[in-house]
Amino acid sequence: MTDKIMTADDVAARLASGMTIGIGGWGSRRKPMALVRALLRSPLTDLTIVSCGGPDVGLLAAAGKIRRLVMPFVTLDSVPLEPHFRAARERGAFALTELDEAMFMWGLTAAGQRLPFLPVRAGPGSDVLRVNPHIRTVTSPYADGEELAAVPALRLDAALVHLNRADARGNGQYLGPDPYFDDLFCEAADAAYVSCERIVAGAELGRAGCPQTLLVSRMFVSGVVEAPHGAHFTSCAPDYGRDEAFQRAYVRAAADPDAWAAFVKRFLSGDEDDYRAAVAAFAEGTTGGTAKETPGKTAKESTGKTTGKTAGERS
């Protein structure tokens, strides 16, 4: 048996500036946030990020670590547009390759199958080909003669995904409603790293769910990280839902440079243990009968002097 257990910082240490890194999950759902926070603590920069983006893209954009982003969308789900992504795009902070979701999926599929491209119907007749002039078209060699988009493979140097369970050898299991593209990210990468809520014995994976939930095979995985609540503040169903109060605080802080600096100091300046402790304190403040705080501000500053409303009520 090969034990692939490592820490989030071990994963970041295996990566290098300039790499193309795929990040699994979907919007603000089951993102490998513990691994993303490890990237934030690292000196890595000049990255090409491939993602169905959420706060992973936002945090890396805010830290200035992205050179190019390849994506079909960037959203926080309950908040339509990720604020740091929007601000970075408005100031032209990185290059962008925007693909239709089907093109994105087949680009990962082509990479996983080690093909140079795959033909898809998505794209022709839309502006996707206009804004991506490097994407060529091909004509079917059969009687139909249909013109199709030749979507280039999205080859990755590394993939980061978060799953509900994994064993020490790298077999990964999702227990929620959707696999997203996590298996495709792992297959498209030279090295894939899986964080999970809990590392269990291999036999326990079979008892926890049907065979279809065993999404990621150990043959594609280089390292496994046990990271309880490692998707926070995104959801990781059925283990937990999205932390909407924290996400609202994140969005509010992103709107103001001073508030964002305070957010970073409070939540992102330490290691993962520090992050969990800060989140626990934040949660206590939102549920313990006191005013809901904006990270980095006192309750009085968050609620104001005259409204009498909590920060959550104003959102």
Protein backbone atom coordinates (compact mmCIF):
# COMPACT_ATOMS: atom_id res chain seq x y z
CA MET A 1 0.00 0.00 0.00
CA THR A 2 1.31 3.43 -0.96
CA ASP A 3 0.53 6.17 1.52
CA LYS A 4 0.07 9.50 -0.26
CA ILE A 5 -0.93 11.56 2.78
CA MET A 6 0.56 15.05 2.92
CA THR A 7 -0.29 18.55 4.12
CA ALA A 8 -1.69 21.47 2.17
CA ASP A 9 1.64 23.28 2.48
CA ASP A 10 3.40 20.15 1.16
CA VAL A 11 1.20 20.42 -1.93
CA ALA A 12 2.06 24.09 -2.46
CA ALA A 13 5.76 23.26 -2.09
CA ARG A 14 5.51 20.83 -5.00
CA LEU A 15 4.19 23.52 -7.33
CA ALA A 16 6.15 26.18 -9.17
CA SER A 17 5.55 29.68 -10.45
CA GLY A 18 4.37 29.78 -14.04
CA MET A 19 2.44 26.50 -13.80
CA THR A 20 -1.02 25.81 -15.21
CA ILE A 21 -3.17 24.72 -12.27
CA GLY A 22 -6.71 23.37 -12.49
CA ILE A 23 -8.99 23.93 -9.50
CA GLY A 24 -12.04 21.71 -9.07
CA GLY A 25 -15.45 22.46 -7.65
CA TRP A 26 -18.05 24.75 -9.17
CA GLY A 27 -18.65 28.39 -8.32
CA SER A 28 -18.97 28.49 -4.55
CA ARG A 29 -19.39 24.72 -4.21
CA ARG A 30 -16.83 22.19 -3.02
CA LYS A 31 -13.80 24.29 -3.77
CA PRO A 32 -10.44 23.08 -2.37
CA MET A 33 -10.13 26.21 -0.27
CA ALA A 34 -7.57 24.81 2.18
CA LEU A 35 -5.28 24.14 -0.79
CA VAL A 36 -6.03 27.59 -2.24
CA ARG A 37 -5.10 29.18 1.08
CA ALA A 38 -1.83 27.23 0.96
CA LEU A 39 -1.18 28.80 -2.46
CA LEU A 40 -1.83 32.21 -0.92
CA ARG A 41 0.80 31.51 1.77
CA SER A 42 3.32 30.42 -0.86
CA PRO A 43 5.57 32.55 -3.08
CA LEU A 44 3.92 31.12 -6.22
CA THR A 45 2.98 33.62 -8.90
CA ASP A 46 2.48 33.97 -12.67
CA LEU A 47 -0.07 31.14 -12.63
CA THR A 48 -2.51 30.06 -15.31
CA ILE A 49 -5.65 29.03 -13.43
CA VAL A 50 -8.23 26.75 -15.04
CA SER A 51 -11.45 26.77 -13.06
CA CYS A 52 -15.23 26.89 -12.97
CA GLY A 53 -14.44 29.84 -10.81
CA GLY A 54 -15.55 30.96 -7.39
CA PRO A 55 -13.69 32.40 -4.41
CA ASP A 56 -10.62 30.38 -5.45
CA VAL A 57 -10.23 32.69 -8.43
CA GLY A 58 -11.16 35.74 -6.36
CA LEU A 59 -8.58 35.14 -3.66
CA LEU A 60 -5.80 34.34 -6.12
CA ALA A 61 -6.70 37.41 -8.19
CA ALA A 62 -6.69 39.63 -5.10
CA ALA A 63 -3.22 38.30 -4.24
CA GLY A 64 -1.92 39.03 -7.75
CA LYS A 65 -1.01 35.42 -8.47
CA ILE A 66 -2.88 34.93 -11.77
CA ARG A 67 -1.29 35.55 -15.17
CA ARG A 68 -4.11 33.98 -17.20
CA LEU A 69 -7.51 32.63 -16.25
CA VAL A 70 -9.28 29.94 -18.29
CA MET A 71 -12.94 29.65 -17.27
CA PRO A 72 -16.58 29.34 -18.32
CA PHE A 73 -17.74 31.58 -15.44
CA VAL A 74 -16.72 33.01 -12.05
CA THR A 75 -19.50 33.25 -9.46
CA LEU A 76 -20.30 32.89 -5.78
CA ASP A 77 -23.70 31.37 -6.67
CA SER A 78 -25.81 33.32 -4.16
CA VAL A 79 -23.73 36.36 -5.20
CA PRO A 80 -23.80 36.38 -9.02
CA LEU A 81 -20.35 37.85 -9.75
CA GLU A 82 -17.22 37.23 -7.69
CA PRO A 83 -16.09 40.73 -6.56
CA HIS A 84 -12.31 40.29 -6.76
CA PHE A 85 -12.60 38.72 -10.21
CA ARG A 86 -14.73 41.64 -11.39
CA ALA A 87 -12.26 44.19 -10.04
CA ALA A 88 -9.27 42.36 -11.56
CA ARG A 89 -10.94 42.21 -14.97
CA GLU A 90 -11.88 45.89 -14.82
CA ARG A 91 -8.25 46.84 -14.32
CA GLY A 92 -6.93 44.25 -16.79
CA ALA A 93 -4.91 42.42 -14.15
CA PHE A 94 -4.63 39.16 -16.09
CA ALA A 95 -5.34 37.62 -19.47
CA LEU A 96 -8.63 35.76 -19.93
CA THR A 97 -9.70 32.75 -21.96
CA GLU A 98 -13.49 32.45 -21.70
CA LEU A 99 -15.05 29.22 -22.93
CA ASP A 100 -18.53 27.79 -23.21
CA GLU A 101 -19.11 25.18 -20.46
CA ALA A 102 -19.26 22.36 -23.01
CA MET A 103 -16.01 23.54 -24.60
CA PHE A 104 -14.41 23.70 -21.15
CA MET A 105 -15.53 20.15 -20.36
CA TRP A 106 -14.29 18.74 -23.65
CA GLY A 107 -10.99 20.61 -23.33
CA LEU A 108 -10.40 18.79 -20.03
CA THR A 109 -11.61 15.53 -21.56
CA ALA A 110 -9.19 15.87 -24.47
CA ALA A 111 -6.34 16.51 -22.05
CA GLY A 112 -7.31 13.48 -19.96
CA GLN A 113 -7.27 11.30 -23.07
CA ARG A 114 -4.01 12.88 -24.24
CA LEU A 115 -5.61 14.14 -27.43
CA PRO A 116 -4.64 17.49 -28.97
CA PHE A 117 -8.29 18.56 -29.31
CA LEU A 118 -11.85 17.30 -29.46
CA PRO A 119 -14.54 18.49 -31.90
CA VAL A 120 -17.68 19.99 -30.35
CA ARG A 121 -20.81 21.72 -31.61
CA ALA A 122 -20.62 24.41 -28.94
CA GLY A 123 -18.96 27.60 -30.13
CA PRO A 124 -19.72 28.07 -33.83
CA GLY A 125 -22.31 30.78 -34.31
CA SER A 126 -21.41 32.46 -31.00
CA ASP A 127 -18.90 35.09 -29.92
CA VAL A 128 -16.75 32.42 -28.24
CA LEU A 129 -14.78 31.92 -31.44
CA ARG A 130 -14.55 35.67 -32.02
CA VAL A 131 -12.96 36.31 -28.61
CA ASN A 132 -10.80 33.17 -28.89
CA PRO A 133 -9.31 33.43 -32.41
CA HIS A 134 -6.80 30.70 -31.56
CA ILE A 135 -9.61 28.11 -31.57
CA ARG A 136 -9.88 26.57 -35.01
CA THR A 137 -12.75 24.72 -36.66
CA VAL A 138 -12.72 21.34 -38.37
CA THR A 139 -15.02 19.84 -40.97
CA SER A 140 -16.45 16.40 -40.40
CA PRO A 141 -14.83 13.89 -42.80
CA TYR A 142 -18.16 12.10 -43.18
CA ALA A 143 -21.13 12.78 -45.44
CA ASP A 144 -22.65 15.38 -43.11
CA GLY A 145 -19.68 17.75 -43.64
CA GLU A 146 -20.55 19.59 -40.42
CA GLU A 147 -18.23 22.35 -39.22
CA LEU A 148 -17.27 21.92 -35.56
CA ALA A 149 -15.10 23.76 -33.09
CA ALA A 150 -11.76 22.02 -32.46
CA VAL A 151 -11.38 22.67 -28.74
CA PRO A 152 -7.72 22.40 -27.71
CA ALA A 153 -6.81 20.17 -24.79
CA LEU A 154 -6.62 21.93 -21.42
CA ARG A 155 -3.45 20.26 -20.21
CA LEU A 156 -2.64 20.96 -16.56
CA ASP A 157 0.61 20.83 -14.65
CA ALA A 158 -1.38 20.19 -11.48
CA ALA A 159 -4.98 19.82 -10.31
CA LEU A 160 -6.43 20.65 -6.90
CA VAL A 161 -9.81 19.17 -5.91
CA HIS A 162 -11.78 18.67 -2.70
CA LEU A 163 -13.91 15.59 -2.03
CA ASN A 164 -15.92 14.30 0.88
CA ARG A 165 -13.81 11.21 1.57
CA ALA A 166 -10.57 9.65 0.38
CA ASP A 167 -8.29 6.84 1.39
CA ALA A 168 -4.54 7.09 1.94
CA ARG A 169 -3.82 5.77 -1.56
CA GLY A 170 -5.72 8.58 -3.28
CA ASN A 171 -9.11 7.09 -4.12
CA GLY A 172 -11.58 9.95 -3.74
CA GLN A 173 -15.34 9.89 -3.12
CA TYR A 174 -18.01 12.55 -3.49
CA LEU A 175 -21.23 12.19 -1.49
CA GLY A 176 -23.07 15.28 -2.69
CA PRO A 177 -25.42 15.79 -5.65
CA ASP A 178 -22.84 16.57 -8.33
CA PRO A 179 -19.35 15.37 -9.28
CA TYR A 180 -18.67 18.65 -11.10
CA PHE A 181 -15.56 18.19 -13.29
CA ASP A 182 -13.26 17.01 -10.50
CA ASP A 183 -12.40 13.67 -12.14
CA LEU A 184 -11.65 15.42 -15.43
CA PHE A 185 -9.31 17.88 -13.71
CA CYS A 186 -7.37 15.01 -12.14
CA GLU A 187 -7.11 13.08 -15.41
CA ALA A 188 -6.01 16.20 -17.32
CA ALA A 189 -3.13 16.93 -14.94
CA ASP A 190 0.44 15.71 -14.63
CA ALA A 191 -0.09 15.65 -10.85
CA ALA A 192 -3.37 15.82 -8.93
CA TYR A 193 -3.84 16.60 -5.24
CA VAL A 194 -7.03 15.70 -3.40
CA SER A 195 -8.07 17.33 -0.15
CA CYS A 196 -10.96 15.72 1.69
CA GLU A 197 -13.09 16.08 4.77
CA ARG A 198 -11.85 12.80 6.15
CA ILE A 199 -9.34 10.12 5.20
CA VAL A 200 -10.86 6.68 5.75
CA ALA A 201 -9.93 3.06 5.12
CA GLY A 202 -10.51 1.99 1.54
CA ALA A 203 -13.22 -0.47 2.56
CA GLU A 204 -15.18 2.34 4.19
CA LEU A 205 -15.53 4.14 0.87
CA GLY A 206 -17.60 1.26 -0.45
CA ARG A 207 -19.88 1.34 2.56
CA ALA A 208 -20.42 5.11 2.38
CA GLY A 209 -21.83 5.21 -1.14
CA CYS A 210 -22.50 3.37 -4.36
CA PRO A 211 -19.65 2.68 -6.83
CA GLN A 212 -20.50 5.79 -8.88
CA THR A 213 -19.48 7.98 -5.93
CA LEU A 214 -15.89 6.72 -6.19
CA LEU A 215 -15.10 9.57 -8.52
CA VAL A 216 -11.30 9.80 -8.49
CA SER A 217 -8.99 6.85 -8.94
CA ARG A 218 -5.71 6.64 -7.07
CA MET A 219 -3.89 6.15 -10.39
CA PHE A 220 -4.40 9.87 -11.12
CA VAL A 221 -3.58 11.17 -7.62
CA SER A 222 -0.18 12.27 -6.32
CA GLY A 223 -1.17 13.40 -2.83
CA VAL A 224 -4.03 13.34 -0.33
CA VAL A 225 -4.67 16.00 2.31
CA GLU A 226 -7.09 15.53 5.20
CA ALA A 227 -8.70 18.95 5.57
CA PRO A 228 -11.86 19.05 7.71
CA HIS A 229 -14.01 21.94 6.48
CA GLY A 230 -11.39 22.31 3.77
CA ALA A 231 -13.97 23.70 1.33
CA HIS A 232 -15.07 26.51 3.68
CA PHE A 233 -16.62 28.96 2.97
CA THR A 234 -18.02 27.12 -0.04
CA SER A 235 -20.38 24.18 0.38
CA CYS A 236 -19.41 20.54 0.69
CA ALA A 237 -22.74 18.71 0.68
CA PRO A 238 -23.82 16.68 2.56
CA ASP A 239 -21.13 17.48 5.15
CA TYR A 240 -22.02 21.18 5.31
CA GLY A 241 -23.57 23.97 3.30
CA ARG A 242 -22.15 27.26 2.13
CA ASP A 243 -21.33 29.67 4.95
CA GLU A 244 -23.52 32.47 3.65
CA ALA A 245 -22.77 34.81 6.57
CA PHE A 246 -19.04 34.49 5.97
CA GLN A 247 -19.47 34.82 2.22
CA ARG A 248 -21.42 38.06 2.70
CA ALA A 249 -18.64 39.35 4.95
CA TYR A 250 -16.11 38.39 2.28
CA VAL A 251 -18.04 40.30 -0.38
CA ARG A 252 -18.43 43.39 1.82
CA ALA A 253 -14.73 43.40 2.66
CA ALA A 254 -13.81 43.08 -1.02
CA ALA A 255 -15.53 46.38 -1.74
CA ASP A 256 -13.12 48.46 0.36
CA PRO A 257 -9.31 48.27 0.43
CA ASP A 258 -9.07 48.93 4.17
CA ALA A 259 -11.75 46.38 4.97
CA TRP A 260 -10.03 43.85 2.74
CA ALA A 261 -6.68 44.41 4.44
CA ALA A 262 -8.41 43.77 7.77
CA PHE A 263 -10.04 40.62 6.37
CA VAL A 264 -6.67 39.31 5.18
CA LYS A 265 -5.07 40.07 8.54
CA ARG A 266 -7.84 38.34 10.44
CA PHE A 267 -8.40 35.26 8.27
CA LEU A 268 -5.53 34.80 5.82
CA SER A 269 -2.36 35.86 7.61
CA GLY A 270 -1.78 32.58 9.47
CA ASP A 271 -1.92 28.85 8.84
CA GLU A 272 -4.98 26.64 8.49
CA ASP A 273 -5.37 26.24 12.26
CA ASP A 274 -5.40 30.03 12.59
CA TYR A 275 -8.01 30.24 9.85
CA ARG A 276 -10.31 27.73 11.54
CA ALA A 277 -9.97 29.55 14.87
CA ALA A 278 -10.79 32.89 13.26
CA VAL A 279 -13.80 31.40 11.47
CA ALA A 280 -15.03 29.87 14.74
CA ALA A 281 -14.78 33.26 16.43
CA PHE A 282 -16.61 34.86 13.53
CA ALA A 283 -19.37 32.23 13.72
CA GLU A 284 -19.73 32.78 17.45
CA GLY A 285 -20.19 36.47 16.81
CA THR A 286 -22.92 35.80 14.23
CA THR A 287 -24.89 33.31 16.33
CA GLY A 288 -24.22 34.24 19.94
CA GLY A 289 -26.75 37.03 20.25
CA THR A 290 -24.24 39.77 19.45
CA ALA A 291 -24.11 41.95 16.37
CA LYS A 292 -22.74 40.31 13.26
CA GLU A 293 -19.28 41.61 12.58
CA THR A 294 -17.62 42.55 9.37
CA PRO A 295 -14.17 40.90 9.63
CA GLY A 296 -11.65 43.37 10.94
CA LYS A 297 -14.25 45.77 12.35
CA THR A 298 -15.93 45.99 15.71
CA ALA A 299 -19.60 45.17 16.07
CA LYS A 300 -20.35 48.88 16.47
CA GLU A 301 -18.54 49.73 13.25
CA SER A 302 -20.32 46.93 11.42
CA THR A 303 -23.85 47.81 12.49
CA GLY A 304 -23.54 51.57 12.50
CA LYS A 305 -24.93 53.91 15.18
CA THR A 306 -28.49 54.47 14.04
CA THR A 307 -29.91 51.56 12.06
CA GLY A 308 -30.07 49.06 14.88
CA LYS A 309 -29.64 46.29 12.27
CA THR A 310 -27.02 43.60 12.14
CA ALA A 311 -24.65 43.32 9.20
CA GLY A 312 -26.56 40.25 8.03
CA GLU A 313 -29.87 42.16 8.03
CA ARG A 314 -28.36 44.89 5.88
CA SER A 315 -27.12 42.39 3.27
